[in-house]
């Protein structure tokens, strides 16, 4: 990579929605890992404040940005009708808590261009992208500003496109990973991948000559060693750190990961309109037919999720979890990182 080297085997995944706070990112750095701030769901001003907090703490960090999907931001009339139908289906859930499902809103996740401008004016060491690829001009501008650019990919084809676009390194995400899939090629659905994250790393390594970071069910030291042996330079972990003291995740979410009544995970579009792996609860079961539509559905379900959290109701909360969720540790993040590094 032309600007920054990944000199740790553990990278904390950028977890949007409040989990990846500056305090969490700083704790990961001090534990021997590398953390990423999550720009998703935030305004550029909020991202700027978090960048300043990490700089003031004197830690290494990166920033992750969601790439807008213009097809979903400008759906066809049929697509809008499906979204409105889904909006109507949420009334019963909202009624449980006395909240209202908001009108349909189509936006680009709080000002994509403003976030890019921020990162060009105040460069950070590492910038990663998910849900798509920025234009080559954006990649080149960030690199000229001094940032190393990482793209999240889920297949050989996506990896080749990212390499052509000028990415310095790739986060290779297996379908076993928790929360949102980074898949961006049209028609991509969960499944159809090699059986393990290590297998996917080997497949991508055969296609591109870039540093690879492995993501997906990397839940213990053995899994870290497996993906490194397959050709990754580091492992990106999310669920494995989600229950730690410094994680900004809701306590309700942390507790669910240790609750025996949750027995499986599945990719679902029920909460945001984009496939994301979560613990199976009542909301996931009730809305298995959720259409594509990110971030429109994210906005529609936001009041329900907030009310469920306030009510302590895990059955209507987005309980993101990778397939290795049972290994997630409580306690200081330093202990969790040490276990992944040295296990």
C-alpha atoms as a PDB file:
ATOM      1  CA  UNK A   1       0.000   0.000   0.000  1.00  0.00           C
ATOM      2  CA  UNK A   2       1.385   3.408  -0.937  1.00  0.00           C
ATOM      3  CA  UNK A   3       0.592   5.287   2.276  1.00  0.00           C
ATOM      4  CA  UNK A   4      -0.139   3.051   5.272  1.00  0.00           C
ATOM      5  CA  UNK A   5       0.787  -0.471   6.204  1.00  0.00           C
ATOM      6  CA  UNK A   6      -1.469  -2.792   8.158  1.00  0.00           C
ATOM      7  CA  UNK A   7       0.923  -3.792  10.929  1.00  0.00           C
ATOM      8  CA  UNK A   8      -1.580  -5.620  13.107  1.00  0.00           C
ATOM      9  CA  UNK A   9      -3.468  -8.852  12.543  1.00  0.00           C
ATOM     10  CA  UNK A  10      -6.662  -7.487  14.120  1.00  0.00           C
ATOM     11  CA  UNK A  11      -8.841  -4.724  12.696  1.00  0.00           C
ATOM     12  CA  UNK A  12     -12.054  -3.766  14.460  1.00  0.00           C
ATOM     13  CA  UNK A  13     -14.837  -3.601  11.900  1.00  0.00           C
ATOM     14  CA  UNK A  14     -16.588  -0.259  11.500  1.00  0.00           C
ATOM     15  CA  UNK A  15     -19.943  -0.876  13.206  1.00  0.00           C
ATOM     16  CA  UNK A  16     -22.434   1.867  12.414  1.00  0.00           C
ATOM     17  CA  UNK A  17     -25.284   2.803  14.690  1.00  0.00           C
ATOM     18  CA  UNK A  18     -23.223   3.761  17.710  1.00  0.00           C
ATOM     19  CA  UNK A  19     -20.981   0.748  18.340  1.00  0.00           C
ATOM     20  CA  UNK A  20     -17.700   2.075  16.917  1.00  0.00           C
ATOM     21  CA  UNK A  21     -17.267   5.126  19.136  1.00  0.00           C
ATOM     22  CA  UNK A  22     -13.983   7.049  19.417  1.00  0.00           C
ATOM     23  CA  UNK A  23     -13.530   5.441  22.842  1.00  0.00           C
ATOM     24  CA  UNK A  24     -13.952   1.969  21.360  1.00  0.00           C
ATOM     25  CA  UNK A  25     -11.570   2.714  18.486  1.00  0.00           C
ATOM     26  CA  UNK A  26      -8.997   4.102  20.927  1.00  0.00           C
ATOM     27  CA  UNK A  27      -9.275   1.029  23.167  1.00  0.00           C
ATOM     28  CA  UNK A  28      -8.744  -1.271  20.179  1.00  0.00           C
ATOM     29  CA  UNK A  29      -5.605   0.656  19.202  1.00  0.00           C
ATOM     30  CA  UNK A  30      -4.183   0.458  22.710  1.00  0.00           C
ATOM     31  CA  UNK A  31      -4.891  -3.273  22.752  1.00  0.00           C
ATOM     32  CA  UNK A  32      -2.717  -3.803  19.671  1.00  0.00           C
ATOM     33  CA  UNK A  33      -5.414  -3.630  16.995  1.00  0.00           C
ATOM     34  CA  UNK A  34      -6.644  -1.008  14.564  1.00  0.00           C
ATOM     35  CA  UNK A  35     -10.119   0.501  14.706  1.00  0.00           C
ATOM     36  CA  UNK A  36     -12.380   2.203  12.182  1.00  0.00           C
ATOM     37  CA  UNK A  37     -14.920   4.921  12.796  1.00  0.00           C
ATOM     38  CA  UNK A  38     -18.239   4.292  11.025  1.00  0.00           C
ATOM     39  CA  UNK A  39     -19.550   7.246   9.023  1.00  0.00           C
ATOM     40  CA  UNK A  40     -22.806   5.478   8.142  1.00  0.00           C
ATOM     41  CA  UNK A  41     -26.007   7.029   9.564  1.00  0.00           C
ATOM     42  CA  UNK A  42     -24.051  10.155  10.599  1.00  0.00           C
ATOM     43  CA  UNK A  43     -23.782  13.681   9.276  1.00  0.00           C
ATOM     44  CA  UNK A  44     -20.413  14.964   8.094  1.00  0.00           C
ATOM     45  CA  UNK A  45     -20.253  17.196  11.171  1.00  0.00           C
ATOM     46  CA  UNK A  46     -20.720  14.205  13.474  1.00  0.00           C
ATOM     47  CA  UNK A  47     -18.000  12.291  11.624  1.00  0.00           C
ATOM     48  CA  UNK A  48     -15.688  15.304  11.906  1.00  0.00           C
ATOM     49  CA  UNK A  49     -16.190  15.419  15.670  1.00  0.00           C
ATOM     50  CA  UNK A  50     -15.320  11.729  15.997  1.00  0.00           C
ATOM     51  CA  UNK A  51     -12.193  12.170  13.869  1.00  0.00           C
ATOM     52  CA  UNK A  52     -11.070  15.009  16.136  1.00  0.00           C
ATOM     53  CA  UNK A  53     -11.686  12.851  19.212  1.00  0.00           C
ATOM     54  CA  UNK A  54      -9.489  10.047  17.851  1.00  0.00           C
ATOM     55  CA  UNK A  55      -6.768  12.491  16.835  1.00  0.00           C
ATOM     56  CA  UNK A  56      -6.837  14.080  20.273  1.00  0.00           C
ATOM     57  CA  UNK A  57      -6.436  10.579  21.742  1.00  0.00           C
ATOM     58  CA  UNK A  58      -3.321  10.032  19.632  1.00  0.00           C
ATOM     59  CA  UNK A  59      -4.430   6.709  18.125  1.00  0.00           C
ATOM     60  CA  UNK A  60      -4.289   5.160  14.666  1.00  0.00           C
ATOM     61  CA  UNK A  61      -7.680   4.787  13.033  1.00  0.00           C
ATOM     62  CA  UNK A  62      -9.573   4.692   9.776  1.00  0.00           C
ATOM     63  CA  UNK A  63     -12.978   5.908   8.598  1.00  0.00           C
ATOM     64  CA  UNK A  64     -15.546   3.774   6.785  1.00  0.00           C
ATOM     65  CA  UNK A  65     -18.074   5.328   4.385  1.00  0.00           C
ATOM     66  CA  UNK A  66     -21.219   3.797   2.849  1.00  0.00           C
ATOM     67  CA  UNK A  67     -21.383   4.258  -0.932  1.00  0.00           C
ATOM     68  CA  UNK A  68     -24.868   5.319  -2.093  1.00  0.00           C
ATOM     69  CA  UNK A  69     -26.718   2.903  -4.378  1.00  0.00           C
ATOM     70  CA  UNK A  70     -28.264   5.170  -6.989  1.00  0.00           C
ATOM     71  CA  UNK A  71     -30.664   2.474  -8.166  1.00  0.00           C
ATOM     72  CA  UNK A  72     -32.136   2.235  -4.677  1.00  0.00           C
ATOM     73  CA  UNK A  73     -32.185   6.005  -4.257  1.00  0.00           C
ATOM     74  CA  UNK A  74     -34.224   6.308  -7.466  1.00  0.00           C
ATOM     75  CA  UNK A  75     -36.511   3.254  -7.493  1.00  0.00           C
ATOM     76  CA  UNK A  76     -38.974   2.502 -10.266  1.00  0.00           C
ATOM     77  CA  UNK A  77     -42.698   3.080  -9.670  1.00  0.00           C
ATOM     78  CA  UNK A  78     -43.003  -0.645  -8.891  1.00  0.00           C
ATOM     79  CA  UNK A  79     -40.127  -0.331  -6.433  1.00  0.00           C
ATOM     80  CA  UNK A  80     -41.792   2.595  -4.695  1.00  0.00           C
ATOM     81  CA  UNK A  81     -45.034   0.619  -4.506  1.00  0.00           C
ATOM     82  CA  UNK A  82     -43.222  -2.295  -2.835  1.00  0.00           C
ATOM     83  CA  UNK A  83     -41.673   0.061  -0.318  1.00  0.00           C
ATOM     84  CA  UNK A  84     -45.044   1.640   0.456  1.00  0.00           C
ATOM     85  CA  UNK A  85     -46.545  -1.824   0.880  1.00  0.00           C
ATOM     86  CA  UNK A  86     -43.774  -2.712   3.314  1.00  0.00           C
ATOM     87  CA  UNK A  87     -44.358   0.560   5.144  1.00  0.00           C
ATOM     88  CA  UNK A  88     -47.971  -0.481   5.610  1.00  0.00           C
ATOM     89  CA  UNK A  89     -46.912  -3.858   6.992  1.00  0.00           C
ATOM     90  CA  UNK A  90     -44.997  -2.131   9.798  1.00  0.00           C
ATOM     91  CA  UNK A  91     -48.082  -0.568  11.356  1.00  0.00           C
ATOM     92  CA  UNK A  92     -48.717  -3.435  13.732  1.00  0.00           C
ATOM     93  CA  UNK A  93     -45.131  -3.353  15.016  1.00  0.00           C
ATOM     94  CA  UNK A  94     -45.275   0.413  15.495  1.00  0.00           C
ATOM     95  CA  UNK A  95     -48.614   0.121  17.273  1.00  0.00           C
ATOM     96  CA  UNK A  96     -47.057  -2.041  19.975  1.00  0.00           C
ATOM     97  CA  UNK A  97     -45.116   0.970  21.205  1.00  0.00           C
ATOM     98  CA  UNK A  98     -47.435   3.799  20.243  1.00  0.00           C
ATOM     99  CA  UNK A  99     -45.104   5.158  17.568  1.00  0.00           C
ATOM    100  CA  UNK A 100     -45.778   6.120  13.957  1.00  0.00           C
ATOM    101  CA  UNK A 101     -44.132   4.739  10.830  1.00  0.00           C
ATOM    102  CA  UNK A 102     -42.697   7.801   9.041  1.00  0.00           C
ATOM    103  CA  UNK A 103     -43.313   8.680   5.387  1.00  0.00           C
ATOM    104  CA  UNK A 104     -41.068   7.088   2.794  1.00  0.00           C
ATOM    105  CA  UNK A 105     -37.774   8.979   2.428  1.00  0.00           C
ATOM    106  CA  UNK A 106     -35.166   8.376  -0.286  1.00  0.00           C
ATOM    107  CA  UNK A 107     -31.756   9.865   0.545  1.00  0.00           C
ATOM    108  CA  UNK A 108     -28.028   9.173   0.332  1.00  0.00           C
ATOM    109  CA  UNK A 109     -27.273   8.423   3.992  1.00  0.00           C
ATOM    110  CA  UNK A 110     -26.703  11.960   5.205  1.00  0.00           C
ATOM    111  CA  UNK A 111     -24.674  13.654   2.518  1.00  0.00           C
ATOM    112  CA  UNK A 112     -22.185  11.399   0.754  1.00  0.00           C
ATOM    113  CA  UNK A 113     -20.412  14.319  -0.912  1.00  0.00           C
ATOM    114  CA  UNK A 114     -20.041  16.203   2.359  1.00  0.00           C
ATOM    115  CA  UNK A 115     -18.282  13.211   3.881  1.00  0.00           C
ATOM    116  CA  UNK A 116     -15.909  12.887   0.930  1.00  0.00           C
ATOM    117  CA  UNK A 117     -15.169  16.620   1.114  1.00  0.00           C
ATOM    118  CA  UNK A 118     -14.421  16.258   4.827  1.00  0.00           C
ATOM    119  CA  UNK A 119     -11.985  13.400   4.207  1.00  0.00           C
ATOM    120  CA  UNK A 120     -10.235  15.377   1.457  1.00  0.00           C
ATOM    121  CA  UNK A 121      -9.946  18.524   3.574  1.00  0.00           C
ATOM    122  CA  UNK A 122      -8.918  16.662   6.731  1.00  0.00           C
ATOM    123  CA  UNK A 123      -7.295  13.438   5.510  1.00  0.00           C
ATOM    124  CA  UNK A 124      -7.137  10.336   7.662  1.00  0.00           C
ATOM    125  CA  UNK A 125      -4.699   7.467   7.357  1.00  0.00           C
ATOM    126  CA  UNK A 126      -7.197   4.886   6.095  1.00  0.00           C
ATOM    127  CA  UNK A 127     -10.538   5.243   4.315  1.00  0.00           C
ATOM    128  CA  UNK A 128     -12.660   2.192   3.599  1.00  0.00           C
ATOM    129  CA  UNK A 129     -15.832   1.896   1.569  1.00  0.00           C
ATOM    130  CA  UNK A 130     -18.774  -0.489   1.762  1.00  0.00           C
ATOM    131  CA  UNK A 131     -21.914  -1.125  -0.333  1.00  0.00           C
ATOM    132  CA  UNK A 132     -20.164  -0.118  -3.548  1.00  0.00           C
ATOM    133  CA  UNK A 133     -17.141   1.524  -5.107  1.00  0.00           C
ATOM    134  CA  UNK A 134     -16.455   5.245  -5.294  1.00  0.00           C
ATOM    135  CA  UNK A 135     -15.521   6.722  -8.653  1.00  0.00           C
ATOM    136  CA  UNK A 136     -11.882   6.443  -9.682  1.00  0.00           C
ATOM    137  CA  UNK A 137     -11.593  10.211  -9.302  1.00  0.00           C
ATOM    138  CA  UNK A 138     -12.631   9.979  -5.653  1.00  0.00           C
ATOM    139  CA  UNK A 139     -10.168   7.152  -5.029  1.00  0.00           C
ATOM    140  CA  UNK A 140      -7.340   9.086  -6.662  1.00  0.00           C
ATOM    141  CA  UNK A 141      -8.183  12.290  -4.781  1.00  0.00           C
ATOM    142  CA  UNK A 142      -8.153  10.469  -1.439  1.00  0.00           C
ATOM    143  CA  UNK A 143      -4.850   8.801  -2.279  1.00  0.00           C
ATOM    144  CA  UNK A 144      -3.319  12.147  -3.297  1.00  0.00           C
ATOM    145  CA  UNK A 145      -4.518  13.558   0.013  1.00  0.00           C
ATOM    146  CA  UNK A 146      -2.495  10.856   1.760  1.00  0.00           C
ATOM    147  CA  UNK A 147      -5.130   8.228   2.580  1.00  0.00           C
ATOM    148  CA  UNK A 148      -4.901   4.526   1.903  1.00  0.00           C
ATOM    149  CA  UNK A 149      -8.148   3.412   0.248  1.00  0.00           C
ATOM    150  CA  UNK A 150      -9.780   0.084   1.073  1.00  0.00           C
ATOM    151  CA  UNK A 151     -12.836  -1.391  -0.671  1.00  0.00           C
ATOM    152  CA  UNK A 152     -15.156  -4.022   0.757  1.00  0.00           C
ATOM    153  CA  UNK A 153     -15.811  -6.903  -1.645  1.00  0.00           C
ATOM    154  CA  UNK A 154     -17.590 -10.223  -1.432  1.00  0.00           C
ATOM    155  CA  UNK A 155     -16.485 -12.017  -4.587  1.00  0.00           C
ATOM    156  CA  UNK A 156     -13.724 -12.375  -7.142  1.00  0.00           C
ATOM    157  CA  UNK A 157     -15.672 -10.217  -9.610  1.00  0.00           C
ATOM    158  CA  UNK A 158     -16.123  -7.398  -7.097  1.00  0.00           C
ATOM    159  CA  UNK A 159     -12.440  -7.643  -6.149  1.00  0.00           C
ATOM    160  CA  UNK A 160     -11.371  -7.236  -9.765  1.00  0.00           C
ATOM    161  CA  UNK A 161     -13.592  -4.177 -10.165  1.00  0.00           C
ATOM    162  CA  UNK A 162     -12.177  -2.653  -6.976  1.00  0.00           C
ATOM    163  CA  UNK A 163      -8.629  -3.254  -8.162  1.00  0.00           C
ATOM    164  CA  UNK A 164      -9.425  -1.579 -11.476  1.00  0.00           C
ATOM    165  CA  UNK A 165     -10.924   1.372  -9.592  1.00  0.00           C
ATOM    166  CA  UNK A 166      -7.593   1.955  -7.810  1.00  0.00           C
ATOM    167  CA  UNK A 167      -8.165   0.537  -4.327  1.00  0.00           C
ATOM    168  CA  UNK A 168      -4.997  -0.004  -2.299  1.00  0.00           C
ATOM    169  CA  UNK A 169      -6.352  -2.989  -0.354  1.00  0.00           C
ATOM    170  CA  UNK A 170      -9.520  -5.045  -0.046  1.00  0.00           C
ATOM    171  CA  UNK A 171     -11.691  -6.101   2.853  1.00  0.00           C
ATOM    172  CA  UNK A 172     -12.894  -9.529   1.701  1.00  0.00           C
ATOM    173  CA  UNK A 173     -16.194 -10.203   3.426  1.00  0.00           C
ATOM    174  CA  UNK A 174     -17.688 -13.696   3.624  1.00  0.00           C
ATOM    175  CA  UNK A 175     -21.441 -14.199   3.988  1.00  0.00           C
ATOM    176  CA  UNK A 176     -20.857 -15.498   7.541  1.00  0.00           C
ATOM    177  CA  UNK A 177     -20.077 -11.929   8.674  1.00  0.00           C
ATOM    178  CA  UNK A 178     -22.488 -10.113  10.935  1.00  0.00           C
ATOM    179  CA  UNK A 179     -24.490  -7.008  10.016  1.00  0.00           C
ATOM    180  CA  UNK A 180     -24.635  -5.646   6.471  1.00  0.00           C
ATOM    181  CA  UNK A 181     -23.250  -7.445   3.471  1.00  0.00           C
ATOM    182  CA  UNK A 182     -20.921  -5.319   1.397  1.00  0.00           C
ATOM    183  CA  UNK A 183     -22.047  -7.004  -1.840  1.00  0.00           C
ATOM    184  CA  UNK A 184     -22.694  -4.468  -4.575  1.00  0.00           C
ATOM    185  CA  UNK A 185     -22.955  -6.192  -7.949  1.00  0.00           C
ATOM    186  CA  UNK A 186     -26.562  -6.374  -9.217  1.00  0.00           C
ATOM    187  CA  UNK A 187     -28.384  -9.556  -8.294  1.00  0.00           C
ATOM    188  CA  UNK A 188     -25.915 -10.518  -5.565  1.00  0.00           C
ATOM    189  CA  UNK A 189     -27.630 -12.476  -2.792  1.00  0.00           C
ATOM    190  CA  UNK A 190     -26.389 -14.261   0.318  1.00  0.00           C
ATOM    191  CA  UNK A 191     -25.055 -17.704  -0.396  1.00  0.00           C
ATOM    192  CA  UNK A 192     -23.111 -19.063  -3.333  1.00  0.00           C
ATOM    193  CA  UNK A 193     -19.777 -18.276  -1.716  1.00  0.00           C
ATOM    194  CA  UNK A 194     -16.907 -20.630  -0.957  1.00  0.00           C
ATOM    195  CA  UNK A 195     -17.572 -22.520   2.293  1.00  0.00           C
ATOM    196  CA  UNK A 196     -15.310 -20.440   4.545  1.00  0.00           C
ATOM    197  CA  UNK A 197     -13.710 -17.028   4.836  1.00  0.00           C
ATOM    198  CA  UNK A 198     -10.286 -18.600   4.258  1.00  0.00           C
ATOM    199  CA  UNK A 199     -11.536 -20.198   1.038  1.00  0.00           C
ATOM    200  CA  UNK A 200     -12.862 -16.843  -0.177  1.00  0.00           C
ATOM    201  CA  UNK A 201      -9.496 -15.222   0.610  1.00  0.00           C
ATOM    202  CA  UNK A 202      -7.719 -17.831  -1.503  1.00  0.00           C
ATOM    203  CA  UNK A 203     -10.158 -17.273  -4.376  1.00  0.00           C
ATOM    204  CA  UNK A 204      -9.701 -13.492  -4.336  1.00  0.00           C
ATOM    205  CA  UNK A 205      -5.925 -13.748  -3.874  1.00  0.00           C
ATOM    206  CA  UNK A 206      -5.763 -15.728  -7.104  1.00  0.00           C
ATOM    207  CA  UNK A 207      -7.455 -12.867  -8.957  1.00  0.00           C
ATOM    208  CA  UNK A 208      -5.863  -9.660  -7.606  1.00  0.00           C
ATOM    209  CA  UNK A 209      -2.467  -8.631  -6.299  1.00  0.00           C
ATOM    210  CA  UNK A 210      -3.562  -6.462  -3.380  1.00  0.00           C
ATOM    211  CA  UNK A 211      -3.353  -6.811   0.408  1.00  0.00           C
ATOM    212  CA  UNK A 212      -6.445  -8.639   1.640  1.00  0.00           C
ATOM    213  CA  UNK A 213      -8.225  -8.275   4.986  1.00  0.00           C
ATOM    214  CA  UNK A 214     -10.482 -11.184   5.910  1.00  0.00           C
ATOM    215  CA  UNK A 215     -13.951 -10.618   7.382  1.00  0.00           C
ATOM    216  CA  UNK A 216     -16.587 -13.149   8.403  1.00  0.00           C
ATOM    217  CA  UNK A 217     -16.830 -15.528  11.381  1.00  0.00           C
ATOM    218  CA  UNK A 218     -13.315 -14.679  12.548  1.00  0.00           C
ATOM    219  CA  UNK A 219     -14.284 -15.339  16.142  1.00  0.00           C
ATOM    220  CA  UNK A 220     -11.166 -16.827  17.758  1.00  0.00           C
ATOM    221  CA  UNK A 221      -7.398 -17.086  17.394  1.00  0.00           C
ATOM    222  CA  UNK A 222      -7.653 -20.260  15.314  1.00  0.00           C
ATOM    223  CA  UNK A 223      -9.852 -18.455  12.792  1.00  0.00           C
ATOM    224  CA  UNK A 224      -7.361 -15.568  12.672  1.00  0.00           C
ATOM    225  CA  UNK A 225      -4.520 -17.997  11.970  1.00  0.00           C
ATOM    226  CA  UNK A 226      -6.624 -19.710   9.283  1.00  0.00           C
ATOM    227  CA  UNK A 227      -7.282 -16.559   7.254  1.00  0.00           C
ATOM    228  CA  UNK A 228      -3.681 -15.358   7.626  1.00  0.00           C
ATOM    229  CA  UNK A 229      -2.467 -18.727   6.359  1.00  0.00           C
ATOM    230  CA  UNK A 230      -4.847 -18.379   3.404  1.00  0.00           C
ATOM    231  CA  UNK A 231      -3.192 -15.102   2.371  1.00  0.00           C
ATOM    232  CA  UNK A 232      -4.838 -12.318   4.368  1.00  0.00           C
ATOM    233  CA  UNK A 233      -2.646  -9.664   5.972  1.00  0.00           C
ATOM    234  CA  UNK A 234      -5.168  -9.160   8.801  1.00  0.00           C
ATOM    235  CA  UNK A 235      -8.596 -10.156  10.061  1.00  0.00           C
ATOM    236  CA  UNK A 236     -11.455  -7.692  10.451  1.00  0.00           C
ATOM    237  CA  UNK A 237     -13.662  -8.610  13.404  1.00  0.00           C
ATOM    238  CA  UNK A 238     -16.941  -7.134  14.548  1.00  0.00           C
ATOM    239  CA  UNK A 239     -19.170  -9.489  16.510  1.00  0.00           C
ATOM    240  CA  UNK A 240     -16.147 -10.780  18.453  1.00  0.00           C
ATOM    241  CA  UNK A 241     -15.749  -7.308  20.003  1.00  0.00           C
ATOM    242  CA  UNK A 242     -19.375  -6.227  20.174  1.00  0.00           C
ATOM    243  CA  UNK A 243     -19.988  -7.345  23.778  1.00  0.00           C
ATOM    244  CA  UNK A 244     -16.871  -5.687  25.205  1.00  0.00           C
ATOM    245  CA  UNK A 245     -17.042  -2.943  27.818  1.00  0.00           C
ATOM    246  CA  UNK A 246     -15.895  -0.221  25.422  1.00  0.00           C
ATOM    247  CA  UNK A 247     -18.281  -1.168  22.605  1.00  0.00           C
ATOM    248  CA  UNK A 248     -21.008   1.426  22.122  1.00  0.00           C
ATOM    249  CA  UNK A 249     -23.615  -1.218  21.289  1.00  0.00           C
ATOM    250  CA  UNK A 250     -26.840  -1.232  23.281  1.00  0.00           C
ATOM    251  CA  UNK A 251     -26.682  -3.440  26.367  1.00  0.00           C
ATOM    252  CA  UNK A 252     -29.825  -5.153  25.067  1.00  0.00           C
ATOM    253  CA  UNK A 253     -27.887  -6.197  21.961  1.00  0.00           C
ATOM    254  CA  UNK A 254     -24.865  -7.324  23.978  1.00  0.00           C
ATOM    255  CA  UNK A 255     -27.074  -9.422  26.250  1.00  0.00           C
ATOM    256  CA  UNK A 256     -28.863 -11.041  23.305  1.00  0.00           C
ATOM    257  CA  UNK A 257     -25.551 -12.414  22.018  1.00  0.00           C
ATOM    258  CA  UNK A 258     -25.242 -14.366  25.265  1.00  0.00           C
ATOM    259  CA  UNK A 259     -28.911 -15.405  25.505  1.00  0.00           C
ATOM    260  CA  UNK A 260     -29.532 -19.095  24.824  1.00  0.00           C
ATOM    261  CA  UNK A 261     -33.011 -18.429  23.460  1.00  0.00           C
ATOM    262  CA  UNK A 262     -31.449 -17.049  20.281  1.00  0.00           C
ATOM    263  CA  UNK A 263     -30.251 -20.074  18.356  1.00  0.00           C
ATOM    264  CA  UNK A 264     -29.456 -18.943  14.807  1.00  0.00           C
ATOM    265  CA  UNK A 265     -28.560 -16.051  12.541  1.00  0.00           C
ATOM    266  CA  UNK A 266     -29.806 -15.254   9.060  1.00  0.00           C
ATOM    267  CA  UNK A 267     -29.345 -12.544   6.426  1.00  0.00           C
ATOM    268  CA  UNK A 268     -32.412 -10.276   6.490  1.00  0.00           C
ATOM    269  CA  UNK A 269     -33.586  -7.096   4.769  1.00  0.00           C
ATOM    270  CA  UNK A 270     -36.320  -6.555   7.368  1.00  0.00           C
ATOM    271  CA  UNK A 271     -34.610  -3.729   9.266  1.00  0.00           C
ATOM    272  CA  UNK A 272     -32.833  -1.694   6.590  1.00  0.00           C
ATOM    273  CA  UNK A 273     -33.737  -2.968   3.126  1.00  0.00           C
ATOM    274  CA  UNK A 274     -30.236  -4.346   2.654  1.00  0.00           C
ATOM    275  CA  UNK A 275     -29.166  -7.865   3.574  1.00  0.00           C
ATOM    276  CA  UNK A 276     -27.594  -7.959   7.022  1.00  0.00           C
ATOM    277  CA  UNK A 277     -26.921 -10.998   9.204  1.00  0.00           C
ATOM    278  CA  UNK A 278     -28.788 -10.890  12.504  1.00  0.00           C
ATOM    279  CA  UNK A 279     -29.990 -13.124  15.293  1.00  0.00           C
ATOM    280  CA  UNK A 280     -33.387 -14.512  14.328  1.00  0.00           C
ATOM    281  CA  UNK A 281     -36.101 -12.829  16.403  1.00  0.00           C
ATOM    282  CA  UNK A 282     -39.819 -12.149  15.889  1.00  0.00           C
ATOM    283  CA  UNK A 283     -39.267  -9.135  13.619  1.00  0.00           C
ATOM    284  CA  UNK A 284     -36.994 -11.140  11.332  1.00  0.00           C
ATOM    285  CA  UNK A 285     -39.529 -13.988  11.186  1.00  0.00           C
ATOM    286  CA  UNK A 286     -42.474 -11.651  10.593  1.00  0.00           C
ATOM    287  CA  UNK A 287     -40.823  -9.733   7.750  1.00  0.00           C
ATOM    288  CA  UNK A 288     -39.025 -12.380   5.741  1.00  0.00           C
ATOM    289  CA  UNK A 289     -40.441 -10.834   2.550  1.00  0.00           C
ATOM    290  CA  UNK A 290     -38.901  -7.386   3.069  1.00  0.00           C
ATOM    291  CA  UNK A 291     -38.000  -5.779  -0.272  1.00  0.00           C
ATOM    292  CA  UNK A 292     -34.734  -4.203  -1.302  1.00  0.00           C
ATOM    293  CA  UNK A 293     -34.545  -0.535  -0.375  1.00  0.00           C
ATOM    294  CA  UNK A 294     -31.633   0.904   1.590  1.00  0.00           C
ATOM    295  CA  UNK A 295     -31.673   3.316   3.344  1.00  0.00           C
ATOM    296  CA  UNK A 296     -35.420   3.853   2.843  1.00  0.00           C
ATOM    297  CA  UNK A 297     -36.389   0.868   5.010  1.00  0.00           C
ATOM    298  CA  UNK A 298     -33.781   1.861   7.589  1.00  0.00           C
ATOM    299  CA  UNK A 299     -35.699   5.119   8.028  1.00  0.00           C
ATOM    300  CA  UNK A 300     -39.079   3.361   8.110  1.00  0.00           C
ATOM    301  CA  UNK A 301     -38.082   0.976  10.893  1.00  0.00           C
ATOM    302  CA  UNK A 302     -36.005   3.448  12.936  1.00  0.00           C
ATOM    303  CA  UNK A 303     -38.856   4.491  15.303  1.00  0.00           C
ATOM    304  CA  UNK A 304     -39.773   0.846  15.898  1.00  0.00           C
ATOM    305  CA  UNK A 305     -36.202  -0.129  16.690  1.00  0.00           C
ATOM    306  CA  UNK A 306     -35.748   2.849  19.002  1.00  0.00           C
ATOM    307  CA  UNK A 307     -38.997   2.077  20.814  1.00  0.00           C
ATOM    308  CA  UNK A 308     -38.108  -1.615  21.115  1.00  0.00           C
ATOM    309  CA  UNK A 309     -34.776  -0.668  22.658  1.00  0.00           C
ATOM    310  CA  UNK A 310     -36.457   1.696  25.114  1.00  0.00           C
ATOM    311  CA  UNK A 311     -38.926  -1.060  26.058  1.00  0.00           C
ATOM    312  CA  UNK A 312     -36.184  -3.664  26.498  1.00  0.00           C
ATOM    313  CA  UNK A 313     -37.753  -5.746  23.711  1.00  0.00           C
ATOM    314  CA  UNK A 314     -35.135  -7.838  21.911  1.00  0.00           C
ATOM    315  CA  UNK A 315     -37.750  -9.270  19.542  1.00  0.00           C
ATOM    316  CA  UNK A 316     -37.984  -6.130  17.396  1.00  0.00           C
ATOM    317  CA  UNK A 317     -34.435  -4.890  17.592  1.00  0.00           C
ATOM    318  CA  UNK A 318     -31.794  -5.404  14.900  1.00  0.00           C
ATOM    319  CA  UNK A 319     -29.498  -7.845  16.692  1.00  0.00           C
ATOM    320  CA  UNK A 320     -26.616  -7.945  14.199  1.00  0.00           C
ATOM    321  CA  UNK A 321     -24.454 -11.036  14.656  1.00  0.00           C
ATOM    322  CA  UNK A 322     -21.990 -13.073  12.634  1.00  0.00           C
ATOM    323  CA  UNK A 323     -22.059 -16.844  12.594  1.00  0.00           C
ATOM    324  CA  UNK A 324     -19.388 -16.990  15.285  1.00  0.00           C
ATOM    325  CA  UNK A 325     -21.491 -14.942  17.719  1.00  0.00           C
ATOM    326  CA  UNK A 326     -21.368 -17.495  20.527  1.00  0.00           C
ATOM    327  CA  UNK A 327     -17.646 -16.764  20.969  1.00  0.00           C
ATOM    328  CA  UNK A 328     -18.154 -13.040  21.622  1.00  0.00           C
ATOM    329  CA  UNK A 329     -16.525 -12.137  24.944  1.00  0.00           C
ATOM    330  CA  UNK A 330     -17.605  -9.719  27.641  1.00  0.00           C
ATOM    331  CA  UNK A 331     -15.070  -7.632  29.566  1.00  0.00           C
ATOM    332  CA  UNK A 332     -12.377  -5.195  28.392  1.00  0.00           C
ATOM    333  CA  UNK A 333     -11.691  -4.983  24.678  1.00  0.00           C
ATOM    334  CA  UNK A 334      -7.990  -5.504  25.473  1.00  0.00           C
ATOM    335  CA  UNK A 335      -8.756  -9.032  26.687  1.00  0.00           C
ATOM    336  CA  UNK A 336     -10.826  -9.825  23.590  1.00  0.00           C
ATOM    337  CA  UNK A 337      -8.107  -8.561  21.234  1.00  0.00           C
ATOM    338  CA  UNK A 338      -5.424 -10.459  23.160  1.00  0.00           C
ATOM    339  CA  UNK A 339      -7.452 -13.651  22.875  1.00  0.00           C
ATOM    340  CA  UNK A 340      -7.734 -13.181  19.107  1.00  0.00           C
ATOM    341  CA  UNK A 341      -4.035 -12.458  18.743  1.00  0.00           C
ATOM    342  CA  UNK A 342      -2.638 -15.034  21.113  1.00  0.00           C
ATOM    343  CA  UNK A 343      -5.525 -17.420  21.902  1.00  0.00           C
END
